[in-house]
Amino acid sequence: YKDWGAHPLVFDVFFLVLVEAGLLLEAGKLFDKLLNYGVLVSVDSCNLFLARLSNSFDGIRTAFRVFREYSEVGVCWNTVSYNIILHLLCQLGKVKEAHSLLIQMEFRGNVPDVVSYSVIVDGYCQVEQLGKVLKLMEELQRKGLKPNQYTYNSIISFLCKTGRVVEAEQVLRVMKNQRIFPDNVVYTTLIS
C-alpha cells in the first residue's frame, strides 16, 4: 500500500463501504487481499462486518468463521465483537456456549459489559432457566454493572410467560426504583 501512495485508512473505508452496501463476500475477499499486503482492517469495521453477517441466514456460519480466523491474523476483538457473537449464539439456542464464551472473554482481556450479561440473561430466559438467570444477575451486580431495560424486559417477559406474574410485578418495582423506566413491551407483557 505504501507504493500506492494511500493511507491504510482508505482501505478501511473501502472495506466499510462494501459492508454497508451488503457486498459481504466482496468485503471478505478484500480483507484477505489487504492482509496479503500487510494492511489490517480496524476492529470497528470488522465488528460491522460481523454484525451484518450475523443478520443474514447465509452469513451465520461465516460470522463464526470470521470471529475465529480474524483473531488468528491479528484482529483484536473487543467487547462489542464478543457481544455480537454472544447474541448470535443465544439466537441459535446455544446459551451454554454463549455463557462459556462470556467467561472466556475475561481470560482474553475483554471485560464483559451490561450488554454481554443482558444477552446471556435473555438467552437463559428463552430456555426457561431461572436459576442461571438469578446467578448471572448476582454476578452482574457484583461486578458493579447495573441491569438495563433490556435485562429487565427479558426477566419480566420470562416470569409472565411462566405464570409468575406477582414476581414479574416485583421485578417491575425494582426496575422503577432503579430509575429504569419500562417501555410498551413490558406493560404489554404484564397486561397479557
C-alpha atoms as a PDB file:
ATOM      1  CA  TYR A   1       0.000   0.000   0.000  1.00  0.00           C
ATOM      2  CA  LYS A   2       2.968   2.308   0.568  1.00  0.00           C
ATOM      3  CA  ASP A   3       3.812   2.017  -3.130  1.00  0.00           C
ATOM      4  CA  TRP A   4       0.266   3.114  -3.958  1.00  0.00           C
ATOM      5  CA  GLY A   5       0.614   6.346  -2.001  1.00  0.00           C
ATOM      6  CA  ALA A   6      -2.511   5.647   0.035  1.00  0.00           C
ATOM      7  CA  HIS A   7      -3.053   5.698   3.771  1.00  0.00           C
ATOM      8  CA  PRO A   8      -4.256   2.371   5.278  1.00  0.00           C
ATOM      9  CA  LEU A   9      -7.393   4.173   6.492  1.00  0.00           C
ATOM     10  CA  VAL A  10      -8.501   4.489   2.857  1.00  0.00           C
ATOM     11  CA  PHE A  11      -8.694   0.712   2.597  1.00  0.00           C
ATOM     12  CA  ASP A  12     -10.592   0.535   5.870  1.00  0.00           C
ATOM     13  CA  VAL A  13     -13.157   2.939   4.439  1.00  0.00           C
ATOM     14  CA  PHE A  14     -13.363   0.910   1.234  1.00  0.00           C
ATOM     15  CA  PHE A  15     -13.991  -2.229   3.312  1.00  0.00           C
ATOM     16  CA  LEU A  16     -16.734  -0.386   5.227  1.00  0.00           C
ATOM     17  CA  VAL A  17     -18.389   0.762   2.020  1.00  0.00           C
ATOM     18  CA  LEU A  18     -18.554  -2.826   0.760  1.00  0.00           C
ATOM     19  CA  VAL A  19     -20.053  -3.992   4.066  1.00  0.00           C
ATOM     20  CA  GLU A  20     -22.571  -1.126   4.165  1.00  0.00           C
ATOM     21  CA  ALA A  21     -23.578  -1.927   0.584  1.00  0.00           C
ATOM     22  CA  GLY A  22     -24.243  -5.531   1.585  1.00  0.00           C
ATOM     23  CA  LEU A  23     -21.410  -6.864  -0.553  1.00  0.00           C
ATOM     24  CA  LEU A  24     -20.215  -9.165   2.198  1.00  0.00           C
ATOM     25  CA  LEU A  25     -18.483 -11.739   0.013  1.00  0.00           C
ATOM     26  CA  GLU A  26     -16.516  -8.971  -1.679  1.00  0.00           C
ATOM     27  CA  ALA A  27     -15.654  -7.437   1.702  1.00  0.00           C
ATOM     28  CA  GLY A  28     -14.269 -10.781   2.859  1.00  0.00           C
ATOM     29  CA  LYS A  29     -12.161 -11.077  -0.280  1.00  0.00           C
ATOM     30  CA  LEU A  30     -10.880  -7.522   0.185  1.00  0.00           C
ATOM     31  CA  PHE A  31      -9.927  -8.319   3.792  1.00  0.00           C
ATOM     32  CA  ASP A  32      -7.857 -11.279   2.601  1.00  0.00           C
ATOM     33  CA  LYS A  33      -6.216  -9.260  -0.175  1.00  0.00           C
ATOM     34  CA  LEU A  34      -5.372  -6.392   2.183  1.00  0.00           C
ATOM     35  CA  LEU A  35      -3.911  -8.850   4.652  1.00  0.00           C
ATOM     36  CA  ASN A  36      -1.576 -10.125   1.921  1.00  0.00           C
ATOM     37  CA  TYR A  37      -0.330  -6.527   1.540  1.00  0.00           C
ATOM     38  CA  GLY A  38       0.165  -6.092   5.279  1.00  0.00           C
ATOM     39  CA  VAL A  39      -2.925  -3.964   5.850  1.00  0.00           C
ATOM     40  CA  LEU A  40      -5.244  -4.904   8.709  1.00  0.00           C
ATOM     41  CA  VAL A  41      -8.792  -3.571   8.786  1.00  0.00           C
ATOM     42  CA  SER A  42      -9.859  -1.879  12.055  1.00  0.00           C
ATOM     43  CA  VAL A  43     -11.774  -3.828  14.701  1.00  0.00           C
ATOM     44  CA  ASP A  44     -14.710  -1.410  14.357  1.00  0.00           C
ATOM     45  CA  SER A  45     -15.002  -2.215  10.656  1.00  0.00           C
ATOM     46  CA  CYS A  46     -14.688  -5.917  11.416  1.00  0.00           C
ATOM     47  CA  ASN A  47     -17.465  -5.550  14.012  1.00  0.00           C
ATOM     48  CA  LEU A  48     -19.790  -4.088  11.417  1.00  0.00           C
ATOM     49  CA  PHE A  49     -18.858  -6.978   9.113  1.00  0.00           C
ATOM     50  CA  LEU A  50     -19.643  -9.493  11.896  1.00  0.00           C
ATOM     51  CA  ALA A  51     -22.957  -7.810  12.655  1.00  0.00           C
ATOM     52  CA  ARG A  52     -24.028  -7.794   9.007  1.00  0.00           C
ATOM     53  CA  LEU A  53     -23.013 -11.422   8.564  1.00  0.00           C
ATOM     54  CA  SER A  54     -24.956 -12.458  11.662  1.00  0.00           C
ATOM     55  CA  ASN A  55     -28.084 -10.748  10.330  1.00  0.00           C
ATOM     56  CA  SER A  56     -28.233 -12.898   7.217  1.00  0.00           C
ATOM     57  CA  PHE A  57     -29.074 -16.588   7.269  1.00  0.00           C
ATOM     58  CA  ASP A  58     -26.271 -17.439   4.858  1.00  0.00           C
ATOM     59  CA  GLY A  59     -23.764 -15.396   6.846  1.00  0.00           C
ATOM     60  CA  ILE A  60     -24.186 -17.001  10.265  1.00  0.00           C
ATOM     61  CA  ARG A  61     -21.631 -19.739   9.679  1.00  0.00           C
ATOM     62  CA  THR A  62     -19.315 -17.207   8.093  1.00  0.00           C
ATOM     63  CA  ALA A  63     -19.651 -14.908  11.134  1.00  0.00           C
ATOM     64  CA  PHE A  64     -18.368 -17.670  13.411  1.00  0.00           C
ATOM     65  CA  ARG A  65     -15.526 -18.444  10.998  1.00  0.00           C
ATOM     66  CA  VAL A  66     -14.579 -14.750  10.727  1.00  0.00           C
ATOM     67  CA  PHE A  67     -14.604 -14.410  14.515  1.00  0.00           C
ATOM     68  CA  ARG A  68     -12.288 -17.400  14.850  1.00  0.00           C
ATOM     69  CA  GLU A  69      -9.968 -16.775  11.894  1.00  0.00           C
ATOM     70  CA  TYR A  70      -9.571 -12.997  12.009  1.00  0.00           C
ATOM     71  CA  SER A  71      -8.200 -13.162  15.543  1.00  0.00           C
ATOM     72  CA  GLU A  72      -5.560 -15.572  14.273  1.00  0.00           C
ATOM     73  CA  VAL A  73      -4.319 -12.984  11.773  1.00  0.00           C
ATOM     74  CA  GLY A  74      -4.194 -10.028  14.138  1.00  0.00           C
ATOM     75  CA  VAL A  75      -7.670  -8.590  14.640  1.00  0.00           C
ATOM     76  CA  CYS A  76      -8.005  -7.835  18.357  1.00  0.00           C
ATOM     77  CA  TRP A  77     -11.672  -8.397  19.065  1.00  0.00           C
ATOM     78  CA  ASN A  78     -13.237  -6.126  21.658  1.00  0.00           C
ATOM     79  CA  THR A  79     -16.313  -6.325  23.892  1.00  0.00           C
ATOM     80  CA  VAL A  80     -18.597  -5.237  21.046  1.00  0.00           C
ATOM     81  CA  SER A  81     -17.253  -8.105  18.921  1.00  0.00           C
ATOM     82  CA  TYR A  82     -17.941 -10.611  21.650  1.00  0.00           C
ATOM     83  CA  ASN A  83     -21.419  -9.192  22.216  1.00  0.00           C
ATOM     84  CA  ILE A  84     -22.269  -9.772  18.553  1.00  0.00           C
ATOM     85  CA  ILE A  85     -21.219 -13.421  18.802  1.00  0.00           C
ATOM     86  CA  LEU A  86     -22.891 -13.881  22.206  1.00  0.00           C
ATOM     87  CA  HIS A  87     -26.145 -12.575  20.744  1.00  0.00           C
ATOM     88  CA  LEU A  88     -25.832 -14.821  17.712  1.00  0.00           C
ATOM     89  CA  LEU A  89     -25.198 -17.907  19.854  1.00  0.00           C
ATOM     90  CA  CYS A  90     -28.227 -17.144  22.030  1.00  0.00           C
ATOM     91  CA  GLN A  91     -30.413 -16.591  18.960  1.00  0.00           C
ATOM     92  CA  LEU A  92     -29.420 -20.069  17.828  1.00  0.00           C
ATOM     93  CA  GLY A  93     -30.322 -21.505  21.246  1.00  0.00           C
ATOM     94  CA  LYS A  94     -26.676 -22.167  22.147  1.00  0.00           C
ATOM     95  CA  VAL A  95     -26.895 -20.417  25.502  1.00  0.00           C
ATOM     96  CA  LYS A  96     -24.371 -22.657  27.273  1.00  0.00           C
ATOM     97  CA  GLU A  97     -21.817 -21.936  24.543  1.00  0.00           C
ATOM     98  CA  ALA A  98     -22.559 -18.240  24.854  1.00  0.00           C
ATOM     99  CA  HIS A  99     -22.113 -18.377  28.631  1.00  0.00           C
ATOM    100  CA  SER A 100     -18.820 -20.214  28.157  1.00  0.00           C
ATOM    101  CA  LEU A 101     -17.680 -17.518  25.700  1.00  0.00           C
ATOM    102  CA  LEU A 102     -18.640 -14.858  28.241  1.00  0.00           C
ATOM    103  CA  ILE A 103     -16.257 -16.487  30.711  1.00  0.00           C
ATOM    104  CA  GLN A 104     -13.518 -16.817  28.066  1.00  0.00           C
ATOM    105  CA  MET A 105     -13.899 -13.116  27.237  1.00  0.00           C
ATOM    106  CA  GLU A 106     -12.331 -12.092  30.503  1.00  0.00           C
ATOM    107  CA  PHE A 107      -9.456 -14.544  30.157  1.00  0.00           C
ATOM    108  CA  ARG A 108      -8.737 -12.984  26.761  1.00  0.00           C
ATOM    109  CA  GLY A 109      -8.608  -9.491  28.229  1.00  0.00           C
ATOM    110  CA  ASN A 110     -12.064  -8.243  27.303  1.00  0.00           C
ATOM    111  CA  VAL A 111     -14.305  -7.008  30.076  1.00  0.00           C
ATOM    112  CA  PRO A 112     -17.957  -8.037  29.679  1.00  0.00           C
ATOM    113  CA  ASP A 113     -20.365  -5.125  29.934  1.00  0.00           C
ATOM    114  CA  VAL A 114     -24.062  -4.914  30.780  1.00  0.00           C
ATOM    115  CA  VAL A 115     -24.902  -5.844  27.175  1.00  0.00           C
ATOM    116  CA  SER A 116     -22.816  -9.019  27.433  1.00  0.00           C
ATOM    117  CA  TYR A 117     -24.661 -10.102  30.557  1.00  0.00           C
ATOM    118  CA  SER A 118     -28.074  -8.985  29.300  1.00  0.00           C
ATOM    119  CA  VAL A 119     -27.733 -11.091  26.163  1.00  0.00           C
ATOM    120  CA  ILE A 120     -26.937 -14.200  28.224  1.00  0.00           C
ATOM    121  CA  VAL A 121     -29.714 -13.407  30.728  1.00  0.00           C
ATOM    122  CA  ASP A 122     -32.163 -13.172  27.827  1.00  0.00           C
ATOM    123  CA  GLY A 123     -30.829 -16.440  26.414  1.00  0.00           C
ATOM    124  CA  TYR A 124     -31.441 -18.242  29.702  1.00  0.00           C
ATOM    125  CA  CYS A 125     -34.882 -16.628  29.937  1.00  0.00           C
ATOM    126  CA  GLN A 126     -35.701 -18.033  26.489  1.00  0.00           C
ATOM    127  CA  VAL A 127     -34.823 -21.555  27.624  1.00  0.00           C
ATOM    128  CA  GLU A 128     -36.541 -21.013  30.985  1.00  0.00           C
ATOM    129  CA  GLN A 129     -33.568 -21.473  33.310  1.00  0.00           C
ATOM    130  CA  LEU A 130     -34.402 -19.155  36.202  1.00  0.00           C
ATOM    131  CA  GLY A 131     -31.529 -20.392  38.374  1.00  0.00           C
ATOM    132  CA  LYS A 132     -28.969 -19.364  35.739  1.00  0.00           C
ATOM    133  CA  VAL A 133     -30.718 -16.011  35.285  1.00  0.00           C
ATOM    134  CA  LEU A 134     -30.529 -15.265  39.009  1.00  0.00           C
ATOM    135  CA  LYS A 135     -26.855 -16.273  39.224  1.00  0.00           C
ATOM    136  CA  LEU A 136     -25.989 -14.035  36.268  1.00  0.00           C
ATOM    137  CA  MET A 137     -27.903 -11.126  37.804  1.00  0.00           C
ATOM    138  CA  GLU A 138     -25.911 -11.556  41.025  1.00  0.00           C
ATOM    139  CA  GLU A 139     -22.647 -11.707  39.073  1.00  0.00           C
ATOM    140  CA  LEU A 140     -23.580  -8.656  37.014  1.00  0.00           C
ATOM    141  CA  GLN A 141     -24.277  -6.619  40.138  1.00  0.00           C
ATOM    142  CA  ARG A 142     -21.219  -7.984  41.974  1.00  0.00           C
ATOM    143  CA  LYS A 143     -19.093  -6.604  39.136  1.00  0.00           C
ATOM    144  CA  GLY A 144     -20.640  -3.164  39.587  1.00  0.00           C
ATOM    145  CA  LEU A 145     -22.805  -3.309  36.483  1.00  0.00           C
ATOM    146  CA  LYS A 146     -26.429  -2.217  36.536  1.00  0.00           C
ATOM    147  CA  PRO A 147     -29.099  -4.144  34.664  1.00  0.00           C
ATOM    148  CA  ASN A 148     -30.641  -2.153  31.843  1.00  0.00           C
ATOM    149  CA  GLN A 149     -34.101  -2.010  30.313  1.00  0.00           C
ATOM    150  CA  TYR A 150     -33.372  -4.973  28.038  1.00  0.00           C
ATOM    151  CA  THR A 151     -32.263  -7.095  31.006  1.00  0.00           C
ATOM    152  CA  TYR A 152     -35.412  -6.350  32.966  1.00  0.00           C
ATOM    153  CA  ASN A 153     -37.673  -6.763  29.925  1.00  0.00           C
ATOM    154  CA  SER A 154     -36.273 -10.257  29.389  1.00  0.00           C
ATOM    155  CA  ILE A 155     -36.819 -11.269  33.009  1.00  0.00           C
ATOM    156  CA  ILE A 156     -40.327  -9.795  33.243  1.00  0.00           C
ATOM    157  CA  SER A 157     -41.338 -11.455  29.988  1.00  0.00           C
ATOM    158  CA  PHE A 158     -39.936 -14.804  31.188  1.00  0.00           C
ATOM    159  CA  LEU A 159     -41.727 -14.574  34.529  1.00  0.00           C
ATOM    160  CA  CYS A 160     -45.033 -13.701  32.876  1.00  0.00           C
ATOM    161  CA  LYS A 161     -44.635 -16.468  30.308  1.00  0.00           C
ATOM    162  CA  THR A 162     -44.153 -18.992  33.112  1.00  0.00           C
ATOM    163  CA  GLY A 163     -47.129 -17.723  35.112  1.00  0.00           C
ATOM    164  CA  ARG A 164     -45.149 -15.823  37.767  1.00  0.00           C
ATOM    165  CA  VAL A 165     -46.940 -12.505  37.369  1.00  0.00           C
ATOM    166  CA  VAL A 166     -46.524 -11.469  41.024  1.00  0.00           C
ATOM    167  CA  GLU A 167     -42.749 -11.929  40.742  1.00  0.00           C
ATOM    168  CA  ALA A 168     -42.800 -10.028  37.436  1.00  0.00           C
ATOM    169  CA  GLU A 169     -44.526  -7.117  39.171  1.00  0.00           C
ATOM    170  CA  GLN A 170     -41.857  -7.210  41.903  1.00  0.00           C
ATOM    171  CA  VAL A 171     -39.137  -7.010  39.243  1.00  0.00           C
ATOM    172  CA  LEU A 172     -41.017  -4.092  37.684  1.00  0.00           C
ATOM    173  CA  ARG A 173     -40.939  -2.264  41.039  1.00  0.00           C
ATOM    174  CA  VAL A 174     -37.193  -2.906  41.388  1.00  0.00           C
ATOM    175  CA  MET A 175     -36.726  -1.635  37.855  1.00  0.00           C
ATOM    176  CA  LYS A 176     -38.619   1.584  38.592  1.00  0.00           C
ATOM    177  CA  ASN A 177     -36.750   2.070  41.890  1.00  0.00           C
ATOM    178  CA  GLN A 178     -33.512   1.994  39.904  1.00  0.00           C
ATOM    179  CA  ARG A 179     -34.968   4.734  37.685  1.00  0.00           C
ATOM    180  CA  ILE A 180     -35.132   2.424  34.689  1.00  0.00           C
ATOM    181  CA  PHE A 181     -38.469   3.040  33.113  1.00  0.00           C
ATOM    182  CA  PRO A 182     -40.342   0.238  31.369  1.00  0.00           C
ATOM    183  CA  ASP A 183     -41.394   0.545  27.776  1.00  0.00           C
ATOM    184  CA  ASN A 184     -44.545  -0.581  25.991  1.00  0.00           C
ATOM    185  CA  VAL A 185     -43.179  -4.119  25.692  1.00  0.00           C
ATOM    186  CA  VAL A 186     -43.059  -4.552  29.476  1.00  0.00           C
ATOM    187  CA  TYR A 187     -46.531  -3.159  30.034  1.00  0.00           C
ATOM    188  CA  THR A 188     -47.985  -5.228  27.197  1.00  0.00           C
ATOM    189  CA  THR A 189     -46.331  -8.332  28.637  1.00  0.00           C
ATOM    190  CA  LEU A 190     -47.770  -7.655  32.092  1.00  0.00           C
ATOM    191  CA  ILE A 191     -51.255  -6.979  30.728  1.00  0.00           C
ATOM    192  CA  SER A 192     -51.255 -10.126  28.591  1.00  0.00           C
END
